[in-house]
């Protein structure tokens, strides 16, 4: 079309000098050539890959890496894919093994497998993540959460996260999607269950406090008993020691020798017989 317009413009100047008409034709030819060359090249930016669609054969096998590439103008055009990991957060209400409603949110980092981009485009198109991730995430979450009780989902959260990641990664592989990271960002329960859990925790704390008071009283009583027993034992030992001393004195009295002392004088009035 551009070539025909330039030829029409050159025809209008047909009455002009011969050199001017030739120059216009050369300029038209150069413009058409430049346009054709620009249309025969395309660039793939960093973090992207391209596949080629042909009007004659459809999607071609193989991918185009980063850089400058050539195509046949008007017959081929590139389809660019962003192969960098993109975050996506999906929430899903589901039921636990003990029939408690659980609201769970999952964050995934996903990207297409660059080696299978033609297949991804044929099956899913450019918005592959919109078509696949919500459905398989809901499917995997319902399957995994149903294996645990509500209390286990809290106490074994790390195990639940690992199981979700493993099954979800395998499921995404069926659609040539790579998951670089899967993590549980939120895990909550219904208001009724949360209130019941809170009441149970309060009751457990009260029971622990009562048990502590009882244990403290028992320990104080045992301490008093031990103290009383110690005092009684000490008194018994003192009494026993005193008895030993008295017995020892009675044994030693016959053997005592009384030495005369100048301070002791005889009684002047004699003694009564």
C-alpha atoms as a PDB file:
ATOM      1  CA  UNK A   1       0.000   0.000   0.000  1.00  0.00           C
ATOM      2  CA  UNK A   2       2.792   2.406   0.849  1.00  0.00           C
ATOM      3  CA  UNK A   3       4.492   1.545  -2.436  1.00  0.00           C
ATOM      4  CA  UNK A   4       1.329   2.280  -4.450  1.00  0.00           C
ATOM      5  CA  UNK A   5       0.856   5.645  -2.727  1.00  0.00           C
ATOM      6  CA  UNK A   6       4.410   6.600  -3.517  1.00  0.00           C
ATOM      7  CA  UNK A   7       3.924   5.539  -7.158  1.00  0.00           C
ATOM      8  CA  UNK A   8       0.762   7.661  -7.370  1.00  0.00           C
ATOM      9  CA  UNK A   9       2.681  10.591  -5.970  1.00  0.00           C
ATOM     10  CA  UNK A  10       5.403  10.043  -8.550  1.00  0.00           C
ATOM     11  CA  UNK A  11       2.766   9.896 -11.324  1.00  0.00           C
ATOM     12  CA  UNK A  12       1.383  13.270 -10.282  1.00  0.00           C
ATOM     13  CA  UNK A  13       4.780  14.735 -10.803  1.00  0.00           C
ATOM     14  CA  UNK A  14       5.107  13.036 -14.197  1.00  0.00           C
ATOM     15  CA  UNK A  15       4.979  16.359 -15.944  1.00  0.00           C
ATOM     16  CA  UNK A  16       7.906  17.574 -13.912  1.00  0.00           C
ATOM     17  CA  UNK A  17      11.446  17.362 -15.115  1.00  0.00           C
ATOM     18  CA  UNK A  18      12.726  13.862 -15.738  1.00  0.00           C
ATOM     19  CA  UNK A  19      15.345  14.005 -12.962  1.00  0.00           C
ATOM     20  CA  UNK A  20      12.764  14.943 -10.345  1.00  0.00           C
ATOM     21  CA  UNK A  21      10.520  11.988 -11.225  1.00  0.00           C
ATOM     22  CA  UNK A  22      13.443   9.582 -11.051  1.00  0.00           C
ATOM     23  CA  UNK A  23      14.454  10.903  -7.635  1.00  0.00           C
ATOM     24  CA  UNK A  24      10.956  10.435  -6.311  1.00  0.00           C
ATOM     25  CA  UNK A  25      10.902   6.849  -7.549  1.00  0.00           C
ATOM     26  CA  UNK A  26      14.245   6.123  -5.886  1.00  0.00           C
ATOM     27  CA  UNK A  27      13.032   7.639  -2.621  1.00  0.00           C
ATOM     28  CA  UNK A  28       9.861   5.572  -2.844  1.00  0.00           C
ATOM     29  CA  UNK A  29      11.871   2.414  -3.436  1.00  0.00           C
ATOM     30  CA  UNK A  30      14.167   3.150  -0.506  1.00  0.00           C
ATOM     31  CA  UNK A  31      11.209   3.895   1.752  1.00  0.00           C
ATOM     32  CA  UNK A  32       9.532   0.646   0.773  1.00  0.00           C
ATOM     33  CA  UNK A  33      12.759  -1.265   1.375  1.00  0.00           C
ATOM     34  CA  UNK A  34      13.248   0.340   4.786  1.00  0.00           C
ATOM     35  CA  UNK A  35       9.670  -0.442   5.750  1.00  0.00           C
ATOM     36  CA  UNK A  36      10.066  -4.043   4.627  1.00  0.00           C
ATOM     37  CA  UNK A  37      13.290  -4.470   6.571  1.00  0.00           C
ATOM     38  CA  UNK A  38      11.754  -2.998   9.736  1.00  0.00           C
ATOM     39  CA  UNK A  39       8.797  -5.343   9.421  1.00  0.00           C
ATOM     40  CA  UNK A  40      11.065  -8.362   8.985  1.00  0.00           C
ATOM     41  CA  UNK A  41      12.788  -7.890  12.358  1.00  0.00           C
ATOM     42  CA  UNK A  42      11.575  -8.139  15.933  1.00  0.00           C
ATOM     43  CA  UNK A  43      13.230  -7.957  19.345  1.00  0.00           C
ATOM     44  CA  UNK A  44      12.722 -10.182  22.389  1.00  0.00           C
ATOM     45  CA  UNK A  45      13.386  -8.323  25.647  1.00  0.00           C
ATOM     46  CA  UNK A  46      15.113  -9.734  28.703  1.00  0.00           C
ATOM     47  CA  UNK A  47      13.030 -12.157  30.738  1.00  0.00           C
ATOM     48  CA  UNK A  48      10.839 -12.951  27.721  1.00  0.00           C
ATOM     49  CA  UNK A  49      10.595 -15.619  25.029  1.00  0.00           C
ATOM     50  CA  UNK A  50       8.809 -15.624  21.681  1.00  0.00           C
ATOM     51  CA  UNK A  51       7.028 -18.178  19.544  1.00  0.00           C
ATOM     52  CA  UNK A  52       6.152 -17.700  15.880  1.00  0.00           C
ATOM     53  CA  UNK A  53       2.736 -17.868  14.247  1.00  0.00           C
ATOM     54  CA  UNK A  54       2.658 -18.459  10.497  1.00  0.00           C
ATOM     55  CA  UNK A  55      -0.370 -17.750   8.344  1.00  0.00           C
ATOM     56  CA  UNK A  56       0.529 -20.842   6.360  1.00  0.00           C
ATOM     57  CA  UNK A  57       1.412 -23.393   9.051  1.00  0.00           C
ATOM     58  CA  UNK A  58       0.087 -22.027  12.344  1.00  0.00           C
ATOM     59  CA  UNK A  59       2.197 -22.083  15.517  1.00  0.00           C
ATOM     60  CA  UNK A  60       5.748 -23.207  14.838  1.00  0.00           C
ATOM     61  CA  UNK A  61       7.683 -25.429  17.197  1.00  0.00           C
ATOM     62  CA  UNK A  62      10.588 -23.891  19.044  1.00  0.00           C
ATOM     63  CA  UNK A  63      11.098 -20.625  20.870  1.00  0.00           C
ATOM     64  CA  UNK A  64      13.072 -17.438  20.278  1.00  0.00           C
ATOM     65  CA  UNK A  65      15.389 -16.247  23.029  1.00  0.00           C
ATOM     66  CA  UNK A  66      16.336 -12.683  23.946  1.00  0.00           C
ATOM     67  CA  UNK A  67      17.723 -10.507  21.162  1.00  0.00           C
ATOM     68  CA  UNK A  68      17.054  -9.569  17.521  1.00  0.00           C
ATOM     69  CA  UNK A  69      15.325 -12.035  15.188  1.00  0.00           C
ATOM     70  CA  UNK A  70      13.935 -12.081  11.636  1.00  0.00           C
ATOM     71  CA  UNK A  71      10.542 -13.036  10.252  1.00  0.00           C
ATOM     72  CA  UNK A  72       8.718 -13.009   6.950  1.00  0.00           C
ATOM     73  CA  UNK A  73       6.606  -9.821   6.854  1.00  0.00           C
ATOM     74  CA  UNK A  74       2.820 -10.225   6.505  1.00  0.00           C
ATOM     75  CA  UNK A  75       3.127 -14.026   6.826  1.00  0.00           C
ATOM     76  CA  UNK A  76       4.676 -14.449  10.272  1.00  0.00           C
ATOM     77  CA  UNK A  77       4.315 -12.547  13.517  1.00  0.00           C
ATOM     78  CA  UNK A  78       5.820 -13.246  16.954  1.00  0.00           C
ATOM     79  CA  UNK A  79       3.922 -13.972  20.181  1.00  0.00           C
ATOM     80  CA  UNK A  80       5.844 -12.767  23.229  1.00  0.00           C
ATOM     81  CA  UNK A  81       5.704 -14.528  26.620  1.00  0.00           C
ATOM     82  CA  UNK A  82       6.925 -13.135  29.926  1.00  0.00           C
ATOM     83  CA  UNK A  83       8.756 -16.053  31.560  1.00  0.00           C
ATOM     84  CA  UNK A  84       9.608 -14.243  34.804  1.00  0.00           C
ATOM     85  CA  UNK A  85       8.003 -15.448  38.028  1.00  0.00           C
ATOM     86  CA  UNK A  86       4.826 -13.571  38.859  1.00  0.00           C
ATOM     87  CA  UNK A  87       3.121 -13.558  42.274  1.00  0.00           C
ATOM     88  CA  UNK A  88      -0.500 -14.483  42.662  1.00  0.00           C
ATOM     89  CA  UNK A  89      -2.627 -14.758  45.807  1.00  0.00           C
ATOM     90  CA  UNK A  90      -5.703 -16.964  45.880  1.00  0.00           C
ATOM     91  CA  UNK A  91      -8.092 -17.555  48.788  1.00  0.00           C
ATOM     92  CA  UNK A  92     -10.253 -20.633  49.104  1.00  0.00           C
ATOM     93  CA  UNK A  93     -12.829 -21.663  51.750  1.00  0.00           C
ATOM     94  CA  UNK A  94     -12.721 -25.387  52.424  1.00  0.00           C
ATOM     95  CA  UNK A  95     -13.533 -27.974  55.093  1.00  0.00           C
ATOM     96  CA  UNK A  96     -11.242 -29.815  57.493  1.00  0.00           C
ATOM     97  CA  UNK A  97     -11.380 -33.483  58.456  1.00  0.00           C
ATOM     98  CA  UNK A  98     -13.600 -32.704  61.448  1.00  0.00           C
ATOM     99  CA  UNK A  99     -15.957 -30.635  59.239  1.00  0.00           C
ATOM    100  CA  UNK A 100     -14.747 -27.213  60.370  1.00  0.00           C
ATOM    101  CA  UNK A 101     -14.806 -24.414  57.795  1.00  0.00           C
ATOM    102  CA  UNK A 102     -11.325 -23.084  57.034  1.00  0.00           C
ATOM    103  CA  UNK A 103     -10.452 -19.916  55.137  1.00  0.00           C
ATOM    104  CA  UNK A 104      -7.008 -20.400  53.643  1.00  0.00           C
ATOM    105  CA  UNK A 105      -5.007 -18.046  51.405  1.00  0.00           C
ATOM    106  CA  UNK A 106      -2.120 -19.142  49.224  1.00  0.00           C
ATOM    107  CA  UNK A 107       0.591 -17.120  47.488  1.00  0.00           C
ATOM    108  CA  UNK A 108       2.320 -18.694  44.496  1.00  0.00           C
ATOM    109  CA  UNK A 109       5.139 -17.584  42.202  1.00  0.00           C
ATOM    110  CA  UNK A 110       4.485 -19.050  38.766  1.00  0.00           C
ATOM    111  CA  UNK A 111       5.969 -18.910  35.279  1.00  0.00           C
ATOM    112  CA  UNK A 112       5.512 -20.871  32.063  1.00  0.00           C
ATOM    113  CA  UNK A 113       7.982 -23.559  31.083  1.00  0.00           C
ATOM    114  CA  UNK A 114       9.985 -21.877  28.299  1.00  0.00           C
ATOM    115  CA  UNK A 115      10.637 -25.201  26.570  1.00  0.00           C
ATOM    116  CA  UNK A 116       6.903 -25.817  26.046  1.00  0.00           C
ATOM    117  CA  UNK A 117       5.612 -22.360  25.101  1.00  0.00           C
ATOM    118  CA  UNK A 118       4.078 -23.522  21.775  1.00  0.00           C
ATOM    119  CA  UNK A 119       2.078 -26.161  23.665  1.00  0.00           C
ATOM    120  CA  UNK A 120       1.052 -23.645  26.331  1.00  0.00           C
ATOM    121  CA  UNK A 121      -0.221 -21.252  23.656  1.00  0.00           C
ATOM    122  CA  UNK A 122      -2.138 -23.957  21.777  1.00  0.00           C
ATOM    123  CA  UNK A 123      -3.851 -25.206  24.945  1.00  0.00           C
ATOM    124  CA  UNK A 124      -4.195 -22.121  27.138  1.00  0.00           C
ATOM    125  CA  UNK A 125      -3.177 -18.968  25.283  1.00  0.00           C
ATOM    126  CA  UNK A 126      -1.380 -16.012  26.839  1.00  0.00           C
ATOM    127  CA  UNK A 127      -3.500 -15.868  30.015  1.00  0.00           C
ATOM    128  CA  UNK A 128      -2.551 -19.392  31.062  1.00  0.00           C
ATOM    129  CA  UNK A 129      -2.322 -18.497  34.757  1.00  0.00           C
ATOM    130  CA  UNK A 130      -5.842 -17.065  34.844  1.00  0.00           C
ATOM    131  CA  UNK A 131      -7.239 -20.250  33.356  1.00  0.00           C
ATOM    132  CA  UNK A 132      -5.277 -22.818  35.360  1.00  0.00           C
ATOM    133  CA  UNK A 133      -4.070 -21.578  38.753  1.00  0.00           C
ATOM    134  CA  UNK A 134      -7.408 -20.782  40.472  1.00  0.00           C
ATOM    135  CA  UNK A 135      -8.883 -24.179  39.638  1.00  0.00           C
ATOM    136  CA  UNK A 136      -5.890 -26.339  40.567  1.00  0.00           C
ATOM    137  CA  UNK A 137      -5.216 -24.346  43.761  1.00  0.00           C
ATOM    138  CA  UNK A 138      -8.790 -24.876  44.956  1.00  0.00           C
ATOM    139  CA  UNK A 139      -8.559 -28.541  44.027  1.00  0.00           C
ATOM    140  CA  UNK A 140      -5.297 -29.138  45.908  1.00  0.00           C
ATOM    141  CA  UNK A 141      -6.309 -27.120  48.977  1.00  0.00           C
ATOM    142  CA  UNK A 142      -9.551 -29.044  49.400  1.00  0.00           C
ATOM    143  CA  UNK A 143      -7.696 -32.331  49.013  1.00  0.00           C
ATOM    144  CA  UNK A 144      -4.945 -31.511  51.522  1.00  0.00           C
ATOM    145  CA  UNK A 145      -7.015 -29.692  54.167  1.00  0.00           C
ATOM    146  CA  UNK A 146      -9.496 -32.582  54.284  1.00  0.00           C
ATOM    147  CA  UNK A 147      -6.688 -34.802  55.638  1.00  0.00           C
ATOM    148  CA  UNK A 148      -6.230 -32.757  58.838  1.00  0.00           C
ATOM    149  CA  UNK A 149      -8.361 -31.764  61.797  1.00  0.00           C
ATOM    150  CA  UNK A 150      -8.762 -28.077  62.558  1.00  0.00           C
ATOM    151  CA  UNK A 151      -6.363 -28.266  65.498  1.00  0.00           C
ATOM    152  CA  UNK A 152      -3.792 -30.102  63.374  1.00  0.00           C
ATOM    153  CA  UNK A 153      -3.915 -27.359  60.761  1.00  0.00           C
ATOM    154  CA  UNK A 154      -2.627 -24.997  63.452  1.00  0.00           C
ATOM    155  CA  UNK A 155      -0.084 -27.222  65.176  1.00  0.00           C
ATOM    156  CA  UNK A 156       1.179 -28.849  61.957  1.00  0.00           C
ATOM    157  CA  UNK A 157       1.053 -25.825  59.673  1.00  0.00           C
ATOM    158  CA  UNK A 158       4.564 -26.424  58.291  1.00  0.00           C
ATOM    159  CA  UNK A 159       3.675 -29.977  57.294  1.00  0.00           C
ATOM    160  CA  UNK A 160       0.442 -28.783  55.670  1.00  0.00           C
ATOM    161  CA  UNK A 161       2.356 -26.140  53.698  1.00  0.00           C
ATOM    162  CA  UNK A 162       4.903 -28.673  52.442  1.00  0.00           C
ATOM    163  CA  UNK A 163       2.168 -31.084  51.366  1.00  0.00           C
ATOM    164  CA  UNK A 164       0.272 -28.328  49.524  1.00  0.00           C
ATOM    165  CA  UNK A 165       3.442 -27.223  47.760  1.00  0.00           C
ATOM    166  CA  UNK A 166       4.354 -30.727  46.631  1.00  0.00           C
ATOM    167  CA  UNK A 167       0.929 -31.628  45.268  1.00  0.00           C
ATOM    168  CA  UNK A 168       0.358 -28.222  43.668  1.00  0.00           C
ATOM    169  CA  UNK A 169       3.763 -28.275  41.951  1.00  0.00           C
ATOM    170  CA  UNK A 170       3.038 -31.711  40.497  1.00  0.00           C
ATOM    171  CA  UNK A 171      -0.427 -30.608  39.358  1.00  0.00           C
ATOM    172  CA  UNK A 172       0.898 -27.466  37.658  1.00  0.00           C
ATOM    173  CA  UNK A 173       3.448 -29.548  35.763  1.00  0.00           C
ATOM    174  CA  UNK A 174       0.571 -31.144  33.864  1.00  0.00           C
ATOM    175  CA  UNK A 175      -0.029 -27.733  32.271  1.00  0.00           C
ATOM    176  CA  UNK A 176       3.679 -26.903  31.714  1.00  0.00           C
ATOM    177  CA  UNK A 177       3.630 -24.312  34.498  1.00  0.00           C
ATOM    178  CA  UNK A 178       6.522 -24.004  36.952  1.00  0.00           C
ATOM    179  CA  UNK A 179       5.859 -22.942  40.553  1.00  0.00           C
ATOM    180  CA  UNK A 180       8.940 -21.390  42.149  1.00  0.00           C
ATOM    181  CA  UNK A 181       7.329 -20.846  45.548  1.00  0.00           C
ATOM    182  CA  UNK A 182       4.139 -21.817  47.363  1.00  0.00           C
ATOM    183  CA  UNK A 183       3.309 -20.520  50.839  1.00  0.00           C
ATOM    184  CA  UNK A 184       0.278 -20.267  53.112  1.00  0.00           C
ATOM    185  CA  UNK A 185      -0.246 -16.600  53.997  1.00  0.00           C
ATOM    186  CA  UNK A 186      -3.478 -16.876  55.982  1.00  0.00           C
ATOM    187  CA  UNK A 187      -5.274 -19.608  57.889  1.00  0.00           C
ATOM    188  CA  UNK A 188      -8.452 -18.748  59.774  1.00  0.00           C
ATOM    189  CA  UNK A 189     -11.589 -20.473  61.019  1.00  0.00           C
ATOM    190  CA  UNK A 190     -15.233 -19.592  61.524  1.00  0.00           C
ATOM    191  CA  UNK A 191     -16.219 -17.276  64.383  1.00  0.00           C
ATOM    192  CA  UNK A 192     -17.933 -20.104  66.256  1.00  0.00           C
ATOM    193  CA  UNK A 193     -14.854 -22.320  66.159  1.00  0.00           C
ATOM    194  CA  UNK A 194     -12.538 -19.447  67.084  1.00  0.00           C
ATOM    195  CA  UNK A 195     -14.750 -18.633  70.098  1.00  0.00           C
ATOM    196  CA  UNK A 196     -14.735 -22.290  71.158  1.00  0.00           C
ATOM    197  CA  UNK A 197     -10.949 -22.471  70.877  1.00  0.00           C
ATOM    198  CA  UNK A 198     -10.577 -19.291  72.913  1.00  0.00           C
ATOM    199  CA  UNK A 199     -12.912 -20.623  75.620  1.00  0.00           C
ATOM    200  CA  UNK A 200     -10.971 -23.880  75.733  1.00  0.00           C
ATOM    201  CA  UNK A 201      -7.694 -22.011  76.110  1.00  0.00           C
ATOM    202  CA  UNK A 202      -9.139 -19.930  78.959  1.00  0.00           C
ATOM    203  CA  UNK A 203     -10.371 -23.100  80.696  1.00  0.00           C
ATOM    204  CA  UNK A 204      -6.960 -24.717  80.286  1.00  0.00           C
ATOM    205  CA  UNK A 205      -5.252 -21.661  81.754  1.00  0.00           C
ATOM    206  CA  UNK A 206      -7.636 -21.670  84.727  1.00  0.00           C
ATOM    207  CA  UNK A 207      -7.022 -25.377  85.274  1.00  0.00           C
ATOM    208  CA  UNK A 208      -3.269 -24.839  85.126  1.00  0.00           C
ATOM    209  CA  UNK A 209      -3.542 -21.964  87.610  1.00  0.00           C
ATOM    210  CA  UNK A 210      -5.624 -24.103  90.009  1.00  0.00           C
ATOM    211  CA  UNK A 211      -3.180 -26.981  89.695  1.00  0.00           C
ATOM    212  CA  UNK A 212      -0.337 -24.593  90.490  1.00  0.00           C
ATOM    213  CA  UNK A 213      -2.113 -23.329  93.617  1.00  0.00           C
ATOM    214  CA  UNK A 214      -2.762 -26.898  94.798  1.00  0.00           C
ATOM    215  CA  UNK A 215       0.812 -27.935  94.125  1.00  0.00           C
ATOM    216  CA  UNK A 216       2.119 -24.897  95.993  1.00  0.00           C
ATOM    217  CA  UNK A 217      -0.092 -25.699  99.006  1.00  0.00           C
ATOM    218  CA  UNK A 218       1.104 -29.311  99.003  1.00  0.00           C
ATOM    219  CA  UNK A 219       4.720 -28.208  98.864  1.00  0.00           C
ATOM    220  CA  UNK A 220       4.220 -25.751 101.745  1.00  0.00           C
ATOM    221  CA  UNK A 221       2.555 -28.473 103.823  1.00  0.00           C
ATOM    222  CA  UNK A 222       5.369 -30.898 103.109  1.00  0.00           C
ATOM    223  CA  UNK A 223       7.871 -28.206 104.040  1.00  0.00           C
ATOM    224  CA  UNK A 224       6.128 -27.635 107.388  1.00  0.00           C
ATOM    225  CA  UNK A 225       6.029 -31.376 108.063  1.00  0.00           C
ATOM    226  CA  UNK A 226       9.713 -31.692 107.308  1.00  0.00           C
ATOM    227  CA  UNK A 227      10.457 -28.692 109.509  1.00  0.00           C
ATOM    228  CA  UNK A 228       8.390 -30.127 112.390  1.00  0.00           C
ATOM    229  CA  UNK A 229      10.019 -33.511 112.029  1.00  0.00           C
ATOM    230  CA  UNK A 230      13.402 -31.834 112.053  1.00  0.00           C
ATOM    231  CA  UNK A 231      12.638 -29.911 115.222  1.00  0.00           C
ATOM    232  CA  UNK A 232      11.327 -33.044 116.950  1.00  0.00           C
ATOM    233  CA  UNK A 233      14.396 -34.980 115.913  1.00  0.00           C
ATOM    234  CA  UNK A 234      16.646 -32.199 117.176  1.00  0.00           C
ATOM    235  CA  UNK A 235      14.855 -32.141 120.562  1.00  0.00           C
ATOM    236  CA  UNK A 236      15.135 -35.897 120.794  1.00  0.00           C
ATOM    237  CA  UNK A 237      18.841 -35.762 120.083  1.00  0.00           C
ATOM    238  CA  UNK A 238      19.368 -33.028 122.705  1.00  0.00           C
ATOM    239  CA  UNK A 239      17.460 -35.049 125.310  1.00  0.00           C
ATOM    240  CA  UNK A 240      19.456 -38.123 124.464  1.00  0.00           C
ATOM    241  CA  UNK A 241      22.711 -36.172 124.801  1.00  0.00           C
ATOM    242  CA  UNK A 242      21.694 -34.799 128.228  1.00  0.00           C
ATOM    243  CA  UNK A 243      20.893 -38.288 129.467  1.00  0.00           C
ATOM    244  CA  UNK A 244      24.298 -39.489 128.366  1.00  0.00           C
ATOM    245  CA  UNK A 245      26.000 -36.645 130.234  1.00  0.00           C
ATOM    246  CA  UNK A 246      24.074 -37.382 133.449  1.00  0.00           C
ATOM    247  CA  UNK A 247      24.882 -41.077 133.253  1.00  0.00           C
ATOM    248  CA  UNK A 248      28.527 -40.275 132.669  1.00  0.00           C
ATOM    249  CA  UNK A 249      28.634 -37.987 135.728  1.00  0.00           C
ATOM    250  CA  UNK A 250      27.113 -40.677 137.960  1.00  0.00           C
ATOM    251  CA  UNK A 251      29.767 -43.067 136.800  1.00  0.00           C
ATOM    252  CA  UNK A 252      32.566 -40.611 137.505  1.00  0.00           C
ATOM    253  CA  UNK A 253      31.403 -39.391 140.983  1.00  0.00           C
ATOM    254  CA  UNK A 254      32.839 -42.347 143.038  1.00  0.00           C
ATOM    255  CA  UNK A 255      36.241 -41.760 141.527  1.00  0.00           C
ATOM    256  CA  UNK A 256      36.373 -38.061 142.323  1.00  0.00           C
ATOM    257  CA  UNK A 257      39.102 -36.981 144.882  1.00  0.00           C
ATOM    258  CA  UNK A 258      38.371 -33.939 147.044  1.00  0.00           C
ATOM    259  CA  UNK A 259      41.539 -31.990 147.813  1.00  0.00           C
ATOM    260  CA  UNK A 260      41.732 -29.934 151.073  1.00  0.00           C
ATOM    261  CA  UNK A 261      41.456 -26.241 150.654  1.00  0.00           C
ATOM    262  CA  UNK A 262      42.610 -23.492 153.029  1.00  0.00           C
ATOM    263  CA  UNK A 263      39.339 -21.813 152.449  1.00  0.00           C
ATOM    264  CA  UNK A 264      37.480 -24.689 154.046  1.00  0.00           C
ATOM    265  CA  UNK A 265      37.629 -24.684 157.866  1.00  0.00           C
ATOM    266  CA  UNK A 266      36.228 -27.278 160.304  1.00  0.00           C
ATOM    267  CA  UNK A 267      32.929 -26.540 162.041  1.00  0.00           C
ATOM    268  CA  UNK A 268      33.713 -25.275 165.533  1.00  0.00           C
ATOM    269  CA  UNK A 269      30.644 -26.719 167.228  1.00  0.00           C
ATOM    270  CA  UNK A 270      31.297 -30.211 166.248  1.00  0.00           C
ATOM    271  CA  UNK A 271      28.889 -32.530 164.692  1.00  0.00           C
ATOM    272  CA  UNK A 272      25.873 -34.272 165.988  1.00  0.00           C
ATOM    273  CA  UNK A 273      26.140 -38.046 166.027  1.00  0.00           C
END
